[in-house]
Amino acid sequence: MPVNALYRDDFYLSTAEAVVTAIHEDGGIELDQTCFYATSGGQPGDTGFFERADGSKIMLGQTRHGPIKDIIIHVPLEGEAQLILGEKLVLHVDWPRRYKLMRMHTACHLLSVVCQYPITGAAVGEDESRVDFDMSETIDKDEVTAKMMALVNENHPVFVQWITDEELAANPGIVKSKNVRPPVGLGRVSLVCIGENSAVDSQPCGGTHVSETQEVGAVHIAKIEKKGKENRRFRIRFGTPTDDA
């Protein structure tokens, strides 16, 4: 059953009410609406808990998509109590974890502004993220860090604009990734825009992001690895380069 994915319109929504609409044999739970982000595009799904009417908690280990993007399945940890169809719940996202992922995901976008090469892969993590670029050039990680931090400190707005699937198909050049296609099939695609009037960047992305670049905080390129003749892997970490010492 299609779910109302509340996080698509409000990245900062960490709690909401919902009703259980399906329970899978493996224990996975579908809801009529959710603020839990489902694993997609290199960003891990949310964890957290469901609060029942009696105040007891159902702890969640992961959130993932079903066969299609309109289905989101919440997977409780092993041994959690069984829910019932139609049960009303209050959802609680693990906000400190989600916020770190939002900051990291935004940092990955800033890296793609600084390094304007086709992206061949990416993975967002709580403490370290990686972005792979189709490039053979040698580049200085401290120089990349300085340019990223300049964008952070300039405190550009970060916002979402929606375009139709047809508009995306007519403008394929806005897609930076070579291997991962934007989340289409829902009729509309979210563009993550940075800067006034998207002056810094605009690219299709279904992940969650902070609302202004200064929220990213201190980040740096910890390492640049050569992964083949024309592939470079950039590892982003929170903090300053001295934190790795």
Protein backbone atom coordinates (compact mmCIF):
# COMPACT_ATOMS: atom_id res chain seq x y z
CA MET A 1 0.00 0.00 0.00
CA PRO A 2 1.49 3.42 -0.97
CA VAL A 3 2.76 5.29 2.07
CA ASN A 4 2.75 9.01 2.77
CA ALA A 5 6.51 9.55 3.19
CA LEU A 6 6.48 12.65 5.38
CA TYR A 7 10.26 13.08 5.31
CA ARG A 8 10.13 14.00 1.62
CA ASP A 9 8.63 17.37 2.54
CA ASP A 10 10.15 17.89 6.01
CA PHE A 11 13.65 16.55 6.73
CA TYR A 12 13.42 17.77 10.33
CA LEU A 13 10.28 15.84 11.24
CA SER A 14 11.40 13.29 13.85
CA THR A 15 8.06 12.20 15.30
CA ALA A 16 4.60 11.55 13.85
CA GLU A 17 1.46 9.50 14.38
CA ALA A 18 0.69 6.53 12.13
CA VAL A 19 -1.53 3.47 11.73
CA VAL A 20 -0.30 -0.07 10.97
CA THR A 21 -1.54 -1.06 7.49
CA ALA A 22 0.37 -4.32 6.87
CA ILE A 23 2.51 -6.81 8.77
CA HIS A 24 4.83 -9.06 6.76
CA GLU A 25 5.73 -12.64 7.58
CA ASP A 26 9.29 -11.57 8.38
CA GLY A 27 7.95 -9.01 10.87
CA GLY A 28 8.29 -5.98 8.61
CA ILE A 29 5.65 -3.30 9.21
CA GLU A 30 3.93 -0.93 6.80
CA LEU A 31 2.23 2.27 7.96
CA ASP A 32 -0.18 4.75 6.42
CA GLN A 33 2.48 7.46 6.83
CA THR A 34 6.02 7.64 8.15
CA CYS A 35 8.81 10.07 9.04
CA PHE A 36 11.36 7.21 8.82
CA TYR A 37 13.70 7.51 5.83
CA ALA A 38 14.10 4.24 3.91
CA THR A 39 17.57 3.13 2.74
CA SER A 40 18.20 4.62 -0.69
CA GLY A 41 20.80 6.41 -2.78
CA GLY A 42 23.69 5.55 -0.49
CA GLN A 43 21.99 6.87 2.66
CA PRO A 44 21.09 4.32 5.38
CA GLY A 45 17.50 4.03 6.55
CA ASP A 46 16.41 5.46 9.88
CA THR A 47 16.32 3.63 13.19
CA GLY A 48 14.34 4.56 16.29
CA PHE A 49 11.18 3.20 17.90
CA PHE A 50 7.39 2.99 17.76
CA GLU A 51 5.49 4.05 20.88
CA ARG A 52 2.29 2.07 21.53
CA ALA A 53 -0.84 3.36 23.28
CA ASP A 54 0.29 1.79 26.57
CA GLY A 55 3.65 3.61 26.37
CA SER A 56 5.70 0.51 25.50
CA LYS A 57 8.28 0.72 22.73
CA ILE A 58 8.99 -1.33 19.60
CA MET A 59 12.64 -0.79 18.68
CA LEU A 60 13.47 -0.64 14.97
CA GLY A 61 16.62 -2.02 13.40
CA GLN A 62 16.17 -0.73 9.86
CA THR A 63 13.84 0.98 7.41
CA ARG A 64 13.83 -0.12 3.76
CA HIS A 65 11.80 0.07 0.60
CA GLY A 66 9.57 -2.73 -0.59
CA PRO A 67 9.40 -3.86 -4.24
CA ILE A 68 8.57 -0.27 -5.24
CA LYS A 69 9.54 3.11 -3.77
CA ASP A 70 5.97 3.74 -2.60
CA ILE A 71 6.27 0.91 -0.09
CA ILE A 72 8.34 1.50 3.05
CA ILE A 73 8.95 -1.37 5.46
CA HIS A 74 9.97 -0.82 9.09
CA VAL A 75 11.86 -3.79 10.53
CA PRO A 76 11.78 -4.26 14.33
CA LEU A 77 14.74 -5.71 16.19
CA GLU A 78 14.55 -9.43 16.90
CA GLY A 79 12.39 -10.33 19.88
CA GLU A 80 10.22 -7.20 19.80
CA ALA A 81 6.50 -7.55 20.56
CA GLN A 82 4.01 -8.15 17.72
CA LEU A 83 1.88 -5.26 16.51
CA ILE A 84 -1.67 -5.63 15.21
CA LEU A 85 -3.31 -4.30 12.04
CA GLY A 86 -4.97 -0.94 12.56
CA GLU A 87 -2.95 -0.18 15.68
CA LYS A 88 -2.16 3.48 16.23
CA LEU A 89 1.46 4.37 16.98
CA VAL A 90 3.66 7.37 17.64
CA LEU A 91 6.86 7.20 15.59
CA HIS A 92 10.18 8.38 17.00
CA VAL A 93 13.19 8.65 14.70
CA ASP A 94 16.66 8.34 16.29
CA TRP A 95 17.23 12.05 15.71
CA PRO A 96 20.93 12.40 16.66
CA ARG A 97 21.76 9.65 14.13
CA ARG A 98 19.49 11.09 11.42
CA TYR A 99 20.89 14.59 11.89
CA LYS A 100 24.46 13.34 11.47
CA LEU A 101 23.40 11.60 8.25
CA MET A 102 21.70 14.80 7.04
CA ARG A 103 24.87 16.79 7.70
CA MET A 104 27.02 14.15 6.01
CA HIS A 105 24.74 13.87 2.98
CA THR A 106 24.85 17.63 2.53
CA ALA A 107 28.65 17.50 2.82
CA CYS A 108 28.69 14.97 -0.04
CA HIS A 109 26.80 17.48 -2.18
CA LEU A 110 29.35 20.18 -1.32
CA LEU A 111 32.14 17.82 -2.35
CA SER A 112 30.44 17.30 -5.71
CA VAL A 113 30.42 21.10 -6.15
CA VAL A 114 34.15 21.32 -5.44
CA CYS A 115 35.00 18.24 -7.54
CA GLN A 116 32.94 18.52 -10.69
CA TYR A 117 33.50 15.05 -12.07
CA PRO A 118 30.94 12.32 -12.75
CA ILE A 119 30.06 10.42 -9.56
CA THR A 120 30.47 6.64 -9.80
CA GLY A 121 29.41 5.70 -6.28
CA ALA A 122 28.63 7.07 -2.84
CA ALA A 123 27.83 5.89 0.68
CA VAL A 124 26.70 8.16 3.51
CA GLY A 125 27.71 7.18 7.04
CA GLU A 126 27.34 8.62 10.52
CA ASP A 127 31.05 9.26 10.99
CA GLU A 128 32.54 8.81 7.51
CA SER A 129 31.13 9.01 4.00
CA ARG A 130 32.67 8.25 0.66
CA VAL A 131 32.15 9.61 -2.82
CA ASP A 132 33.77 8.02 -5.88
CA PHE A 133 34.55 10.13 -8.94
CA ASP A 134 35.37 9.22 -12.52
CA MET A 135 38.68 11.08 -12.63
CA SER A 136 42.37 10.40 -13.17
CA GLU A 137 43.75 13.76 -12.01
CA THR A 138 45.74 14.13 -8.82
CA ILE A 139 44.11 16.54 -6.41
CA ASP A 140 45.19 17.84 -3.00
CA LYS A 141 42.85 16.78 -0.17
CA ASP A 142 43.65 19.85 1.93
CA GLU A 143 42.72 22.11 -0.98
CA VAL A 144 39.42 20.24 -1.41
CA THR A 145 38.77 20.53 2.34
CA ALA A 146 39.40 24.29 2.25
CA LYS A 147 36.96 24.78 -0.63
CA MET A 148 34.30 22.66 1.07
CA MET A 149 34.67 24.57 4.33
CA ALA A 150 34.37 27.86 2.45
CA LEU A 151 30.95 26.71 1.23
CA VAL A 152 30.03 25.63 4.77
CA ASN A 153 31.07 28.96 6.27
CA GLU A 154 29.30 31.01 3.58
CA ASN A 155 26.10 29.49 5.00
CA HIS A 156 24.19 28.96 1.77
CA PRO A 157 20.53 27.92 2.02
CA VAL A 158 19.75 24.31 1.16
CA PHE A 159 16.25 23.59 -0.13
CA VAL A 160 14.21 21.25 -2.29
CA GLN A 161 12.44 21.98 -5.54
CA TRP A 162 10.19 19.46 -7.25
CA ILE A 163 10.21 18.73 -10.98
CA THR A 164 8.26 16.14 -12.94
CA ASP A 165 9.77 12.92 -14.25
CA GLU A 166 9.30 14.37 -17.74
CA GLU A 167 11.26 17.52 -16.86
CA LEU A 168 14.11 15.37 -15.58
CA ALA A 169 14.09 13.25 -18.75
CA ALA A 170 14.30 16.46 -20.79
CA ASN A 171 17.32 17.69 -18.77
CA PRO A 172 19.60 14.66 -18.24
CA GLY A 173 22.62 16.93 -17.76
CA ILE A 174 21.58 17.82 -14.20
CA VAL A 175 22.31 14.25 -13.06
CA LYS A 176 25.86 14.02 -11.70
CA SER A 177 25.89 10.29 -10.97
CA LYS A 178 26.99 7.91 -13.72
CA ASN A 179 25.64 4.74 -12.10
CA VAL A 180 22.78 5.68 -9.77
CA ARG A 181 19.65 7.03 -11.37
CA PRO A 182 17.47 9.58 -9.55
CA PRO A 183 14.36 8.28 -7.76
CA VAL A 184 11.78 8.39 -10.55
CA GLY A 185 8.43 6.66 -10.88
CA LEU A 186 6.55 8.72 -8.28
CA GLY A 187 5.63 11.36 -10.85
CA ARG A 188 7.93 13.97 -9.35
CA VAL A 189 11.63 14.20 -8.53
CA SER A 190 13.23 16.28 -5.79
CA LEU A 191 16.09 18.60 -6.69
CA VAL A 192 18.37 19.47 -3.81
CA CYS A 193 19.39 23.08 -4.36
CA ILE A 194 22.19 25.00 -2.65
CA GLY A 195 22.50 28.79 -2.68
CA GLU A 196 20.08 31.59 -3.51
CA ASN A 197 18.26 30.64 -6.71
CA SER A 198 20.30 27.38 -6.77
CA ALA A 199 23.41 29.41 -7.55
CA VAL A 200 25.80 26.90 -5.95
CA ASP A 201 24.26 23.59 -7.03
CA SER A 202 21.12 21.75 -8.05
CA GLN A 203 20.88 18.00 -8.48
CA PRO A 204 18.27 15.24 -8.19
CA CYS A 205 18.43 13.47 -4.83
CA GLY A 206 15.90 11.73 -2.62
CA GLY A 207 17.96 11.86 0.57
CA THR A 208 17.66 14.09 3.62
CA HIS A 209 19.71 17.28 4.06
CA VAL A 210 20.19 20.20 6.44
CA SER A 211 18.60 23.58 5.64
CA GLU A 212 21.78 25.67 5.49
CA THR A 213 25.39 24.76 4.85
CA GLN A 214 26.76 25.97 8.20
CA GLU A 215 24.81 23.13 9.87
CA VAL A 216 27.25 20.70 8.24
CA GLY A 217 29.90 21.88 10.68
CA ALA A 218 33.59 21.08 10.39
CA VAL A 219 34.32 18.40 7.78
CA HIS A 220 37.46 17.37 5.95
CA ILE A 221 38.74 14.98 3.31
CA ALA A 222 40.54 12.34 5.34
CA LYS A 223 41.83 10.34 2.39
CA ILE A 224 41.77 10.13 -1.40
CA GLU A 225 42.21 6.57 -2.67
CA LYS A 226 42.98 5.41 -6.18
CA LYS A 227 40.38 2.82 -7.17
CA GLY A 228 41.39 1.96 -10.71
CA LYS A 229 42.92 4.01 -13.49
CA GLU A 230 40.10 6.54 -13.65
CA ASN A 231 38.40 6.31 -10.27
CA ARG A 232 39.17 8.23 -7.08
CA ARG A 233 37.48 7.62 -3.73
CA PHE A 234 37.16 10.62 -1.39
CA ARG A 235 36.53 9.88 2.30
CA ILE A 236 34.75 12.65 4.24
CA ARG A 237 34.89 12.84 8.02
CA PHE A 238 33.58 15.25 10.61
CA GLY A 239 36.03 17.49 12.42
CA THR A 240 39.36 18.90 11.25
CA PRO A 241 42.32 17.02 9.73
CA THR A 242 44.07 17.14 13.11
CA ASP A 243 41.28 14.95 14.54
CA ASP A 244 42.67 12.05 12.49
CA ALA A 245 46.12 12.40 14.01
